Amino acid sequence: MSNNSLSRRKMFDLVQTQLESERTSFLTHWQELSDFIAPRRARIKDWDTNRGDKRNQNIIDSTGTMSLRTLRSGMMSGVTSPARPWFKLTLSDPELSEYGRVRQWLDAVTARMNTVFLRSNLYNVLPIIYGDMGLFGTGAMAIEEDLNGNVFNFVPFQIGSYSVAQGPNLKVDTFNRKFRMTARQMVEKFGIKDPNYPMKIDWTIFSQSVKDAYDKGQFETWFDVTHFIRPNELYKPNNPFAKYKKYTSCYYEHSTSNNAQTDLFLRESGYDYFPILCPRWEINGEDVYGTSCPGMEALGDVKQLQVGEKRSLQAVDKMINPPLTAPTAMRNSKVTLMPGDINYVDVREGLQGIRSVYDINFRINELEQKQAQCRTRIQRAFFEDLFLMLASSDRRQITAREIEERHEEKLLALGPVLEQLNQDLLDPLIDNCFKIMQKQRLLPPPPPEIAGADMKIEYISIMAQAQKMVGIGAVERFSGFVAQVANIDQTVLDKVNADSLVDVYSDLTSVPSKILRTEDEVKSIRGQRAQAQQQAQQQQTMMAGAKVAKDLSGATLADDNALAAMMKGGVVPNGL
């Protein structure tokens, strides 16, 4: 394929059409999910100009919305809580990871990454992504390098505003997004090449419509823009220019607009890594977008809940303010329905006064039971019963073991989702942020021992530790059994490697590495202890020998004692 700009634009437009065709079957479903649970989260239409209009007309009972909020918060606190460590860096070689300088470097890098995460907007964006995953099955965010002090910046995208595609490894490697920018935004982002000369604008990359709007002072006029990121067909590994990097990133005015020219790029650049994180709740085979999630599973119950709530309110309204009948003679009479007021009615010829059209005896309790069932199913679909299990418990006495077992229940329900989350979101997040910090020289120089070693990410969040609870229980039961047997026969302790037992338990519980000493420190301490014990034993032997010598020095050969016996036998004690 030719490398000129026109051919690239044609290629991008063709790929964009294919991506949008793949996405089409999901749009109606996403729109319905948004309408009934989170009205402002989706952007299905190309350009949503009515951003301030009311969008919650379909929501009467907000159980689904609140359950989604609980899911977002529960995932945030359980997987990536900013209040506690949730990951640490290690190596594939566990012995090398425990080497003194290597472990200190790994701990230092982990601490610096945690600090930078706190300074960035990561923890503001992650709940949005968790919410999109739980509601639509798919979420997307970008990692942008920030040279203004925050190292990197994270940008979430609304479902429906972007399209994605997968590579041969079934991981997302193509991203296309259509959005809008004002003339001023476009000029400041793309047209000013040198910040020191803000009046020097490169107009060759803009259409005539953008230039005319800017020149006329219509700075806030909206224009359609497309952003495309995909594997670069012009990739040159050793070329320093951004447009030849592994992934191409191109901005251009939308080609279907009458204002755009089809041979212009606002910016052509690239990335050494794929900057888009696109986690899916659950995927089916080679599907690109998430095909199952709590929102999809609960949608039927959410819609049923709205219908039942509407019918219930209608029935209550008719009971409180029923439709009335009145004799025709009262048509021109003053009628009042105020409490304590009087209507004068002549009852004759079988006519009655004002009365309800029909008597309503609505069995609201039965409906409320069905509504409660719907609410319970919705809450279970969003795992609200699990996330709020401890918070909603009214028990004051609860054991640590019971808490562990309850976390294991979360693991059983969310285990597959957490594995998918690691693959689609957390692994590339940490990997890409590590590369950015390394590029900006924010990491300490690595020790020479790890040259060529494979780095590994270990997750130590509450959810990650819950996955290890089964192994912890086995270790604890084994240790308790050995201790019981040791009360009978101490030799059984010879079967247990105590150091390995402590290492395994510390790994399962993800204790901070500073608590455990390195292998070198352990060897040094044990060597000093052995040396001290040897010196103490030698000193004790010398003291015993000195005592024997003193006793012998006070004895005479004439006495019938041990010294005389040794002399007769030709035995001379050591040291004499």
Protein backbone atom coordinates (compact mmCIF):
# COMPACT_ATOMS: atom_id res chain seq x y z
CA MET A 1 0.00 0.00 0.00
CA SER A 2 1.25 3.44 -0.85
CA ASN A 3 2.57 5.56 1.99
CA ASN A 4 1.19 8.90 0.79
CA SER A 5 -1.32 10.75 2.94
CA LEU A 6 -4.27 10.27 0.61
CA SER A 7 -3.96 6.48 0.61
CA ARG A 8 -3.66 6.41 4.37
CA ARG A 9 -6.80 8.49 4.76
CA LYS A 10 -8.69 6.18 2.43
CA MET A 11 -7.43 3.20 4.39
CA PHE A 12 -8.48 4.77 7.70
CA ASP A 13 -11.95 5.57 6.36
CA LEU A 14 -12.35 2.01 5.11
CA VAL A 15 -11.26 0.49 8.43
CA GLN A 16 -13.48 2.93 10.33
CA THR A 17 -16.51 1.77 8.32
CA GLN A 18 -15.72 -1.85 9.13
CA LEU A 19 -15.26 -1.13 12.83
CA GLU A 20 -18.56 0.71 13.05
CA SER A 21 -20.30 -2.12 11.24
CA GLU A 22 -18.95 -4.58 13.83
CA ARG A 23 -20.22 -2.33 16.62
CA THR A 24 -23.70 -1.75 15.16
CA SER A 25 -25.37 -4.80 16.72
CA PHE A 26 -24.47 -3.57 20.22
CA LEU A 27 -25.74 0.01 19.90
CA THR A 28 -29.42 -0.67 20.60
CA HIS A 29 -28.56 -2.79 23.62
CA TRP A 30 -26.17 -0.18 25.01
CA GLN A 31 -28.76 2.54 24.53
CA GLU A 32 -31.37 0.55 26.44
CA LEU A 33 -28.93 -0.18 29.27
CA SER A 34 -28.10 3.50 29.46
CA ASP A 35 -31.76 4.60 29.41
CA PHE A 36 -32.78 2.38 32.32
CA ILE A 37 -29.67 2.46 34.53
CA ALA A 38 -27.15 5.23 33.68
CA PRO A 39 -28.76 7.70 31.24
CA ARG A 40 -25.71 9.94 30.78
CA ARG A 41 -22.99 7.34 30.43
CA ALA A 42 -23.51 6.34 26.77
CA ARG A 43 -23.09 8.43 23.64
CA ILE A 44 -24.68 6.36 20.93
CA LYS A 45 -25.53 9.19 18.53
CA ASP A 46 -22.69 10.67 16.53
CA TRP A 47 -22.95 14.10 18.11
CA ASP A 48 -25.03 14.58 21.20
CA THR A 49 -26.07 18.23 21.14
CA ASN A 50 -28.72 17.97 23.86
CA ARG A 51 -26.38 17.27 26.74
CA GLY A 52 -28.45 19.13 29.30
CA ASP A 53 -31.82 17.52 28.58
CA LYS A 54 -33.61 15.18 30.99
CA ARG A 55 -32.65 11.57 30.44
CA ASN A 56 -34.03 9.69 33.40
CA GLN A 57 -37.65 9.49 32.29
CA ASN A 58 -37.43 5.68 32.20
CA ILE A 59 -36.22 5.42 35.79
CA ILE A 60 -38.84 5.38 38.55
CA ASP A 61 -37.13 2.94 40.90
CA SER A 62 -33.38 3.61 41.07
CA THR A 63 -32.33 0.20 42.43
CA GLY A 64 -30.36 -0.60 39.27
CA THR A 65 -28.55 2.74 39.33
CA MET A 66 -27.60 2.41 42.98
CA SER A 67 -26.49 -1.20 42.51
CA LEU A 68 -24.21 -0.08 39.69
CA ARG A 69 -22.78 2.57 42.02
CA THR A 70 -22.10 -0.12 44.62
CA LEU A 71 -20.39 -2.30 41.99
CA ARG A 72 -18.13 0.58 40.97
CA SER A 73 -17.16 1.32 44.56
CA GLY A 74 -16.74 -2.35 45.45
CA MET A 75 -14.45 -3.04 42.50
CA MET A 76 -12.47 0.10 43.26
CA SER A 77 -11.92 -0.74 46.92
CA GLY A 78 -11.43 -4.45 46.34
CA VAL A 79 -9.10 -4.36 43.32
CA THR A 80 -7.30 -1.00 43.09
CA SER A 81 -7.85 0.83 46.35
CA PRO A 82 -5.74 4.00 46.66
CA ALA A 83 -5.79 3.55 50.43
CA ARG A 84 -3.64 0.42 50.42
CA PRO A 85 -1.06 -1.29 48.16
CA TRP A 86 -2.68 -3.37 45.42
CA PHE A 87 0.33 -4.51 43.40
CA LYS A 88 4.04 -5.07 43.70
CA LEU A 89 6.78 -5.76 41.18
CA THR A 90 8.78 -8.94 41.32
CA LEU A 91 10.76 -11.23 38.98
CA SER A 92 9.94 -14.56 37.44
CA ASP A 93 12.94 -15.97 39.32
CA PRO A 94 11.85 -16.04 43.00
CA GLU A 95 15.39 -16.54 44.32
CA LEU A 96 16.69 -13.55 42.40
CA SER A 97 13.74 -11.51 43.66
CA GLU A 98 14.89 -12.11 47.24
CA TYR A 99 18.43 -10.94 46.59
CA GLY A 100 19.14 -7.85 48.69
CA ARG A 101 19.81 -5.16 46.09
CA VAL A 102 17.23 -6.58 43.70
CA ARG A 103 14.47 -6.59 46.28
CA GLN A 104 15.33 -3.06 47.39
CA TRP A 105 15.13 -1.87 43.77
CA LEU A 106 11.78 -3.62 43.19
CA ASP A 107 10.36 -2.09 46.37
CA ALA A 108 11.62 1.37 45.42
CA VAL A 109 10.07 1.16 41.92
CA THR A 110 6.76 -0.07 43.32
CA ALA A 111 6.69 2.78 45.84
CA ARG A 112 7.44 5.41 43.18
CA MET A 113 4.75 4.07 40.87
CA ASN A 114 2.21 4.17 43.71
CA THR A 115 3.17 7.77 44.43
CA VAL A 116 2.77 8.81 40.80
CA PHE A 117 -0.59 7.03 40.58
CA LEU A 118 -1.79 9.05 43.55
CA ARG A 119 -0.66 12.29 41.93
CA SER A 120 -2.39 11.50 38.64
CA ASN A 121 -6.11 11.20 37.93
CA LEU A 122 -6.02 7.39 37.77
CA TYR A 123 -8.21 6.84 40.81
CA ASN A 124 -10.79 9.25 39.41
CA VAL A 125 -11.01 7.36 36.12
CA LEU A 126 -10.92 3.73 37.29
CA PRO A 127 -14.40 3.82 38.91
CA ILE A 128 -15.81 5.05 35.60
CA ILE A 129 -14.17 2.16 33.77
CA TYR A 130 -15.45 -0.37 36.33
CA GLY A 131 -18.93 1.08 35.91
CA ASP A 132 -18.78 0.79 32.11
CA MET A 133 -17.58 -2.79 32.38
CA GLY A 134 -20.38 -3.70 34.77
CA LEU A 135 -23.10 -1.94 32.76
CA PHE A 136 -22.09 -2.29 29.10
CA GLY A 137 -19.55 -5.13 29.31
CA THR A 138 -16.81 -2.91 27.83
CA GLY A 139 -14.85 0.12 28.98
CA ALA A 140 -12.04 2.15 27.43
CA MET A 141 -9.46 4.64 28.65
CA ALA A 142 -6.28 6.18 27.28
CA ILE A 143 -2.88 6.70 28.90
CA GLU A 144 -1.37 10.02 27.86
CA GLU A 145 2.13 11.07 28.79
CA ASP A 146 2.09 14.30 30.78
CA LEU A 147 5.24 16.42 30.77
CA ASN A 148 3.80 19.06 33.11
CA GLY A 149 4.58 17.28 36.36
CA ASN A 150 1.92 14.55 36.65
CA VAL A 151 3.89 12.04 34.51
CA PHE A 152 0.74 10.67 32.87
CA ASN A 153 -2.92 11.51 32.42
CA PHE A 154 -5.85 9.12 31.96
CA VAL A 155 -8.86 9.82 29.73
CA PRO A 156 -12.06 7.72 29.89
CA PHE A 157 -14.27 7.34 26.81
CA GLN A 158 -18.04 6.99 26.64
CA ILE A 159 -19.48 3.79 25.22
CA GLY A 160 -20.74 4.35 21.68
CA SER A 161 -18.20 7.07 20.90
CA TYR A 162 -15.44 4.64 19.95
CA SER A 163 -14.81 1.43 18.02
CA VAL A 164 -12.13 -1.20 18.64
CA ALA A 165 -10.66 -4.27 16.98
CA GLN A 166 -8.49 -7.15 18.15
CA GLY A 167 -5.18 -8.51 16.96
CA PRO A 168 -4.36 -12.19 16.40
CA ASN A 169 -3.84 -12.68 20.15
CA LEU A 170 -7.45 -11.51 20.77
CA LYS A 171 -6.23 -8.37 22.54
CA VAL A 172 -7.45 -4.94 21.48
CA ASP A 173 -4.87 -3.24 19.24
CA THR A 174 -7.01 -0.85 17.15
CA PHE A 175 -8.99 2.15 18.39
CA ASN A 176 -11.12 4.64 16.51
CA ARG A 177 -13.00 7.55 18.04
CA LYS A 178 -15.15 10.31 16.60
CA PHE A 179 -15.58 13.42 18.70
CA ARG A 180 -15.97 17.18 18.42
CA MET A 181 -13.57 20.06 18.99
CA THR A 182 -14.00 23.80 18.74
CA ALA A 183 -11.95 25.85 16.31
CA ARG A 184 -9.94 27.29 19.21
CA GLN A 185 -9.23 23.85 20.66
CA MET A 186 -8.06 22.54 17.30
CA VAL A 187 -5.75 25.49 16.71
CA GLU A 188 -4.24 25.33 20.21
CA LYS A 189 -3.79 21.54 20.13
CA PHE A 190 -2.58 21.03 16.57
CA GLY A 191 -1.83 24.36 14.89
CA ILE A 192 0.65 25.93 17.33
CA LYS A 193 3.92 24.07 16.81
CA ASP A 194 6.05 26.23 19.13
CA PRO A 195 4.49 27.38 22.46
CA ASN A 196 6.92 30.30 22.49
CA TYR A 197 5.24 31.66 19.34
CA PRO A 198 1.48 31.18 19.91
CA MET A 199 0.58 33.54 17.06
CA LYS A 200 2.44 31.42 14.53
CA ILE A 201 -0.20 28.93 13.36
CA ASP A 202 0.25 26.20 10.76
CA TRP A 203 -2.92 26.60 8.66
CA THR A 204 -1.85 23.99 6.10
CA ILE A 205 -3.25 21.15 8.24
CA PHE A 206 -6.76 22.65 8.62
CA SER A 207 -9.69 22.87 6.28
CA GLN A 208 -10.74 26.27 5.00
CA SER A 209 -13.84 26.15 7.23
CA VAL A 210 -11.76 25.97 10.40
CA LYS A 211 -9.56 28.86 9.28
CA ASP A 212 -12.57 30.99 8.36
CA ALA A 213 -14.27 30.36 11.71
CA TYR A 214 -11.11 31.26 13.61
CA ASP A 215 -10.46 34.38 11.56
CA LYS A 216 -14.03 35.59 12.13
CA GLY A 217 -13.71 35.14 15.87
CA GLN A 218 -16.08 32.17 15.94
CA PHE A 219 -13.70 30.31 18.23
CA GLU A 220 -16.31 28.02 19.81
CA THR A 221 -17.70 26.64 16.56
CA TRP A 222 -17.73 22.84 16.65
CA PHE A 223 -15.98 20.63 14.08
CA ASP A 224 -15.91 16.86 13.67
CA VAL A 225 -12.60 15.12 14.42
CA THR A 226 -11.48 11.50 14.16
CA HIS A 227 -8.70 9.89 16.17
CA PHE A 228 -7.27 6.59 14.92
CA ILE A 229 -4.75 4.34 16.70
CA ARG A 230 -3.70 1.05 15.14
CA PRO A 231 -0.61 -1.03 14.29
CA ASN A 232 1.56 1.08 12.04
CA GLU A 233 2.02 -0.15 8.48
CA LEU A 234 4.96 2.27 8.27
CA TYR A 235 6.66 0.83 11.38
CA LYS A 236 10.45 1.15 11.39
CA PRO A 237 11.99 -0.13 14.65
CA ASN A 238 15.14 1.98 14.52
CA ASN A 239 13.58 5.19 13.19
CA PRO A 240 13.37 7.94 15.86
CA PHE A 241 10.43 9.79 14.28
CA ALA A 242 7.04 9.33 15.97
CA LYS A 243 5.15 8.55 12.74
CA TYR A 244 7.24 5.39 12.31
CA LYS A 245 6.63 3.94 15.77
CA LYS A 246 4.94 0.59 16.43
CA TYR A 247 1.45 2.10 16.72
CA THR A 248 0.34 5.01 14.60
CA SER A 249 -1.82 7.78 16.05
CA CYS A 250 -3.55 10.10 13.59
CA TYR A 251 -5.98 12.99 14.08
CA TYR A 252 -7.92 14.36 11.13
CA GLU A 253 -11.13 16.19 10.39
CA HIS A 254 -13.96 13.76 9.83
CA SER A 255 -14.05 12.78 6.15
CA THR A 256 -17.86 12.73 5.85
CA SER A 257 -18.04 16.42 6.77
CA ASN A 258 -18.43 18.92 3.96
CA ASN A 259 -15.88 21.11 5.74
CA ALA A 260 -13.08 18.56 5.64
CA GLN A 261 -10.50 17.82 3.00
CA THR A 262 -9.60 14.17 2.55
CA ASP A 263 -5.84 14.65 2.19
CA LEU A 264 -5.01 16.41 5.48
CA PHE A 265 -3.91 15.13 8.87
CA LEU A 266 -4.09 17.32 11.93
CA ARG A 267 -1.34 15.26 13.51
CA GLU A 268 0.58 12.11 12.62
CA SER A 269 2.45 10.57 15.54
CA GLY A 270 2.87 7.21 17.21
CA TYR A 271 3.50 5.13 20.31
CA ASP A 272 5.93 2.40 21.25
CA TYR A 273 3.07 0.77 23.16
CA PHE A 274 -0.70 0.60 22.63
CA PRO A 275 -2.02 3.50 24.77
CA ILE A 276 -5.66 2.33 24.96
CA LEU A 277 -6.85 0.05 27.76
CA CYS A 278 -10.11 -1.69 26.84
CA PRO A 279 -11.21 -4.10 29.58
CA ARG A 280 -14.18 -6.41 28.96
CA TRP A 281 -16.28 -8.01 31.71
CA GLU A 282 -16.67 -11.27 29.80
CA ILE A 283 -16.06 -12.15 26.18
CA ASN A 284 -17.39 -15.03 24.13
CA GLY A 285 -14.87 -16.61 21.80
CA GLU A 286 -13.45 -14.09 19.36
CA ASP A 287 -16.02 -11.37 20.14
CA VAL A 288 -14.50 -7.89 20.33
CA TYR A 289 -16.92 -6.32 22.81
CA GLY A 290 -18.05 -7.71 26.14
CA THR A 291 -21.03 -10.02 25.64
CA SER A 292 -22.13 -10.49 29.24
CA CYS A 293 -22.06 -8.34 32.36
CA PRO A 294 -24.23 -7.54 35.40
CA GLY A 295 -26.09 -4.77 33.57
CA MET A 296 -27.07 -7.05 30.69
CA GLU A 297 -28.13 -9.81 33.07
CA ALA A 298 -30.24 -7.47 35.21
CA LEU A 299 -31.86 -5.43 32.42
CA GLY A 300 -35.04 -7.53 32.34
CA ASP A 301 -35.53 -7.20 36.08
CA VAL A 302 -34.79 -3.46 35.92
CA LYS A 303 -37.46 -2.94 33.26
CA GLN A 304 -39.94 -5.11 35.15
CA LEU A 305 -39.24 -3.10 38.29
CA GLN A 306 -40.07 0.15 36.50
CA VAL A 307 -43.37 -1.24 35.15
CA GLY A 308 -44.39 -2.61 38.55
CA GLU A 309 -43.50 0.64 40.28
CA LYS A 310 -45.50 2.62 37.74
CA ARG A 311 -48.56 0.39 38.18
CA SER A 312 -48.25 0.58 41.95
CA LEU A 313 -48.11 4.37 41.90
CA GLN A 314 -51.08 4.51 39.55
CA ALA A 315 -53.11 2.30 41.90
CA VAL A 316 -52.17 4.36 44.94
CA ASP A 317 -53.04 7.53 43.07
CA LYS A 318 -56.48 6.16 42.15
CA MET A 319 -57.11 5.15 45.74
CA ILE A 320 -56.11 8.57 47.05
CA ASN A 321 -57.59 10.61 44.20
CA PRO A 322 -60.14 8.33 42.47
CA PRO A 323 -62.17 9.25 39.36
CA LEU A 324 -65.59 10.55 40.40
CA THR A 325 -69.20 10.52 39.19
CA ALA A 326 -71.82 13.17 40.00
CA PRO A 327 -75.42 13.81 38.97
CA THR A 328 -75.89 16.08 35.97
CA ALA A 329 -77.74 18.54 38.21
CA MET A 330 -74.36 19.39 39.78
CA ARG A 331 -72.73 20.27 36.46
CA ASN A 332 -73.08 23.98 37.08
CA SER A 333 -72.76 23.80 40.85
CA LYS A 334 -69.71 24.59 42.86
CA VAL A 335 -68.01 21.35 43.86
CA THR A 336 -65.28 21.17 46.43
CA LEU A 337 -63.11 18.23 47.39
CA MET A 338 -61.32 19.97 50.24
CA PRO A 339 -61.27 18.17 53.61
CA GLY A 340 -64.13 19.33 55.88
CA ASP A 341 -65.96 21.21 53.13
CA ILE A 342 -69.61 20.48 52.15
CA ASN A 343 -71.29 19.78 48.81
CA TYR A 344 -75.10 20.10 48.82
CA VAL A 345 -76.78 17.41 46.74
CA ASP A 346 -80.53 16.66 46.40
CA VAL A 347 -81.01 12.93 46.27
CA ARG A 348 -84.04 12.09 44.17
CA GLU A 349 -85.16 9.60 41.58
CA GLY A 350 -82.40 7.20 42.59
CA LEU A 351 -79.60 9.66 41.93
CA GLN A 352 -76.70 9.70 44.36
CA GLY A 353 -74.20 12.38 45.27
CA ILE A 354 -70.53 12.48 44.33
CA ARG A 355 -68.88 9.06 44.45
CA SER A 356 -65.97 7.17 42.86
CA VAL A 357 -66.52 5.53 39.52
CA TYR A 358 -65.37 2.19 40.90
CA ASP A 359 -64.07 0.89 44.19
CA ILE A 360 -60.35 0.15 44.18
CA ASN A 361 -59.07 -2.60 46.40
CA PHE A 362 -55.55 -2.84 45.08
CA ARG A 363 -53.52 -5.63 46.72
CA ILE A 364 -50.35 -3.65 46.95
CA ASN A 365 -48.64 -6.09 49.34
CA GLU A 366 -48.54 -8.81 46.69
CA LEU A 367 -47.03 -6.37 44.19
CA GLU A 368 -44.45 -5.21 46.71
CA GLN A 369 -43.40 -8.82 47.22
CA LYS A 370 -42.77 -9.17 43.49
CA GLN A 371 -40.96 -5.83 43.46
CA ALA A 372 -38.76 -7.00 46.34
CA GLN A 373 -37.88 -10.12 44.36
CA CYS A 374 -36.87 -7.96 41.40
CA ARG A 375 -34.73 -5.74 43.60
CA THR A 376 -33.01 -8.77 45.12
CA ARG A 377 -32.22 -10.22 41.68
CA ILE A 378 -30.83 -6.87 40.51
CA GLN A 379 -28.65 -6.53 43.59
CA ARG A 380 -27.35 -10.06 43.18
CA ALA A 381 -26.62 -9.47 39.50
CA PHE A 382 -24.47 -6.47 40.46
CA PHE A 383 -22.87 -8.40 43.37
CA GLU A 384 -24.22 -5.84 45.81
CA ASP A 385 -24.91 -8.53 48.41
CA LEU A 386 -21.23 -9.51 48.30
CA PHE A 387 -19.71 -6.02 48.30
CA LEU A 388 -21.93 -4.86 51.14
CA MET A 389 -21.82 -8.11 53.07
CA LEU A 390 -19.71 -6.81 55.92
CA ALA A 391 -21.13 -3.30 55.86
CA SER A 392 -24.72 -4.50 56.03
CA SER A 393 -24.12 -7.06 58.76
CA ASP A 394 -25.63 -6.09 62.12
CA ARG A 395 -23.49 -8.56 64.01
CA ARG A 396 -21.02 -7.18 66.48
CA GLN A 397 -19.07 -10.42 66.93
CA ILE A 398 -17.43 -11.77 63.80
CA THR A 399 -14.28 -13.87 63.57
CA ALA A 400 -11.32 -13.33 61.28
CA ARG A 401 -11.89 -16.75 59.80
CA GLU A 402 -15.48 -15.86 58.91
CA ILE A 403 -14.25 -12.73 57.15
CA GLU A 404 -11.83 -14.87 55.14
CA GLU A 405 -14.61 -17.25 54.16
CA ARG A 406 -16.78 -14.35 53.03
CA HIS A 407 -13.93 -13.07 50.88
CA GLU A 408 -13.68 -16.55 49.38
CA GLU A 409 -17.33 -16.22 48.37
CA LYS A 410 -16.41 -13.05 46.47
CA LEU A 411 -13.64 -14.98 44.79
CA LEU A 412 -16.01 -17.70 43.61
CA ALA A 413 -18.34 -15.12 42.08
CA LEU A 414 -15.76 -12.72 40.63
CA GLY A 415 -12.72 -14.92 40.01
CA PRO A 416 -13.08 -15.17 36.19
CA VAL A 417 -13.81 -11.44 35.96
CA LEU A 418 -10.68 -10.59 37.94
CA GLU A 419 -8.53 -12.68 35.60
CA GLN A 420 -10.01 -10.90 32.58
CA LEU A 421 -9.47 -7.57 34.34
CA ASN A 422 -5.80 -8.33 34.93
CA GLN A 423 -5.28 -9.20 31.27
CA ASP A 424 -7.17 -6.30 29.73
CA LEU A 425 -6.59 -3.48 32.21
CA LEU A 426 -4.16 -3.85 35.09
CA ASP A 427 -1.27 -5.64 33.35
CA PRO A 428 -1.00 -3.16 30.45
CA LEU A 429 -1.68 -0.25 32.83
CA ILE A 430 1.32 -1.02 35.01
CA ASP A 431 3.48 -2.05 32.08
CA ASN A 432 2.82 1.13 30.08
CA CYS A 433 3.19 3.41 33.11
CA PHE A 434 6.50 1.72 33.93
CA LYS A 435 7.72 2.48 30.40
CA ILE A 436 6.65 6.11 30.66
CA MET A 437 8.39 6.58 33.99
CA GLN A 438 11.48 4.87 32.65
CA LYS A 439 11.42 7.17 29.62
CA GLN A 440 11.19 10.24 31.89
CA ARG A 441 14.03 8.87 34.07
CA LEU A 442 11.88 8.69 37.17
CA LEU A 443 13.05 5.22 38.19
CA PRO A 444 16.29 4.32 40.00
CA PRO A 445 18.91 2.53 37.91
CA PRO A 446 18.38 -1.24 38.10
CA PRO A 447 21.06 -3.47 39.67
CA PRO A 448 23.16 -5.45 37.20
CA GLU A 449 21.86 -8.75 38.60
CA ILE A 450 18.47 -8.35 36.87
CA ALA A 451 19.87 -7.79 33.37
CA GLY A 452 17.76 -9.93 31.03
CA ALA A 453 15.41 -11.05 33.80
CA ASP A 454 11.64 -11.09 33.21
CA MET A 455 9.64 -8.79 35.43
CA LYS A 456 6.39 -9.96 36.94
CA ILE A 457 3.41 -8.16 38.47
CA GLU A 458 1.92 -9.57 41.66
CA TYR A 459 -1.46 -8.28 42.81
CA ILE A 460 -1.99 -7.90 46.53
CA SER A 461 -5.40 -6.23 46.70
CA ILE A 462 -8.22 -7.57 48.87
CA MET A 463 -9.65 -9.48 45.93
CA ALA A 464 -6.27 -10.85 44.94
CA GLN A 465 -5.62 -12.03 48.47
CA ALA A 466 -9.05 -13.65 48.53
CA GLN A 467 -7.88 -15.84 45.66
CA LYS A 468 -5.11 -17.13 47.90
CA MET A 469 -7.28 -17.88 50.91
CA VAL A 470 -7.74 -21.51 49.98
CA GLY A 471 -3.97 -22.04 49.96
CA ILE A 472 -3.61 -20.23 53.27
CA GLY A 473 -6.14 -22.53 54.89
CA ALA A 474 -4.20 -25.58 53.72
CA VAL A 475 -0.93 -24.21 55.10
CA GLU A 476 -2.53 -23.31 58.44
CA ARG A 477 -4.12 -26.76 58.80
CA PHE A 478 -0.83 -28.45 57.96
CA SER A 479 1.12 -26.32 60.47
CA GLY A 480 -1.42 -27.04 63.18
CA PHE A 481 -1.27 -30.77 62.49
CA VAL A 482 2.54 -30.81 62.63
CA ALA A 483 2.47 -28.90 65.93
CA GLN A 484 0.10 -31.50 67.43
CA VAL A 485 2.29 -34.39 66.31
CA ALA A 486 5.40 -32.60 67.64
CA ASN A 487 3.89 -32.69 71.11
CA ILE A 488 4.16 -36.47 70.89
CA ASP A 489 7.36 -36.85 68.90
CA GLN A 490 9.72 -33.91 68.32
CA THR A 491 11.51 -35.73 65.48
CA VAL A 492 8.60 -35.00 63.16
CA LEU A 493 9.91 -31.41 62.90
CA ASP A 494 12.79 -32.80 60.86
CA LYS A 495 10.28 -33.32 58.03
CA VAL A 496 9.36 -29.62 57.85
CA ASN A 497 11.44 -26.93 56.16
CA ALA A 498 10.57 -24.01 58.42
CA ASP A 499 12.10 -21.40 56.11
CA SER A 500 10.05 -22.61 53.15
CA LEU A 501 6.93 -22.71 55.30
CA VAL A 502 7.40 -19.03 56.26
CA ASP A 503 8.15 -18.05 52.64
CA VAL A 504 5.04 -19.76 51.32
CA TYR A 505 2.81 -18.27 53.99
CA SER A 506 4.21 -14.77 53.48
CA ASP A 507 3.66 -15.11 49.74
CA LEU A 508 0.04 -16.24 50.18
CA THR A 509 -0.70 -13.41 52.61
CA SER A 510 1.24 -10.82 50.55
CA VAL A 511 3.00 -9.36 53.57
CA PRO A 512 5.26 -6.34 52.84
CA SER A 513 8.69 -7.47 51.73
CA LYS A 514 10.36 -5.26 54.38
CA ILE A 515 9.06 -7.59 57.09
CA LEU A 516 11.13 -10.53 55.85
CA ARG A 517 14.90 -10.55 55.77
CA THR A 518 16.72 -11.44 52.58
CA GLU A 519 18.55 -14.74 52.16
CA ASP A 520 21.88 -12.97 52.58
CA GLU A 521 20.74 -11.35 55.82
CA VAL A 522 19.47 -14.68 57.14
CA LYS A 523 22.78 -16.39 56.31
CA SER A 524 24.72 -13.60 57.98
CA ILE A 525 22.61 -13.73 61.16
CA ARG A 526 22.81 -17.50 61.35
CA GLY A 527 26.54 -17.43 60.72
CA GLN A 528 27.05 -14.94 63.55
CA ARG A 529 24.83 -17.01 65.83
CA ALA A 530 26.78 -20.20 65.02
CA GLN A 531 30.07 -18.40 65.62
CA ALA A 532 28.81 -17.05 68.95
CA GLN A 533 27.64 -20.51 69.97
CA GLN A 534 31.00 -22.01 69.00
CA GLN A 535 32.86 -19.36 70.98
CA ALA A 536 30.61 -19.94 73.98
CA GLN A 537 31.21 -23.69 73.75
CA GLN A 538 34.98 -23.21 73.51
CA GLN A 539 34.91 -20.87 76.50
CA GLN A 540 32.87 -23.39 78.46
CA THR A 541 35.36 -26.15 77.56
CA MET A 542 38.29 -23.97 78.61
CA MET A 543 36.60 -23.16 81.92
CA ALA A 544 35.98 -26.84 82.56
CA GLY A 545 39.65 -27.66 81.72
CA ALA A 546 40.86 -24.91 84.03
CA LYS A 547 38.78 -26.30 86.88
CA VAL A 548 40.20 -29.79 86.35
CA ALA A 549 43.73 -28.39 86.30
CA LYS A 550 43.12 -26.48 89.50
CA ASP A 551 41.77 -29.59 91.24
CA LEU A 552 44.75 -31.66 90.10
CA SER A 553 47.25 -29.03 91.14
CA GLY A 554 46.06 -29.29 94.74
CA ALA A 555 46.35 -33.06 94.89
CA THR A 556 49.46 -35.17 96.13
CA LEU A 557 50.72 -38.42 94.75
CA ALA A 558 50.66 -39.92 98.20
CA ASP A 559 46.93 -39.67 98.35
CA ASP A 560 44.75 -42.41 97.01
CA ASN A 561 43.09 -40.28 94.39
CA ALA A 562 42.53 -39.97 90.69
CA LEU A 563 45.81 -38.18 90.07
CA ALA A 564 47.75 -41.01 91.69
CA ALA A 565 45.85 -43.55 89.68
CA MET A 566 46.61 -41.71 86.42
CA MET A 567 50.29 -41.47 87.29
CA LYS A 568 50.43 -45.19 87.98
CA GLY A 569 48.74 -45.88 84.71
CA GLY A 570 50.92 -43.44 82.80
CA VAL A 571 48.00 -41.17 81.91
CA VAL A 572 48.66 -37.46 81.87
CA PRO A 573 45.67 -35.11 81.62
CA ASN A 574 45.58 -32.64 78.75
CA GLY A 575 47.19 -29.34 79.54
CA LEU A 576 49.52 -30.78 82.22
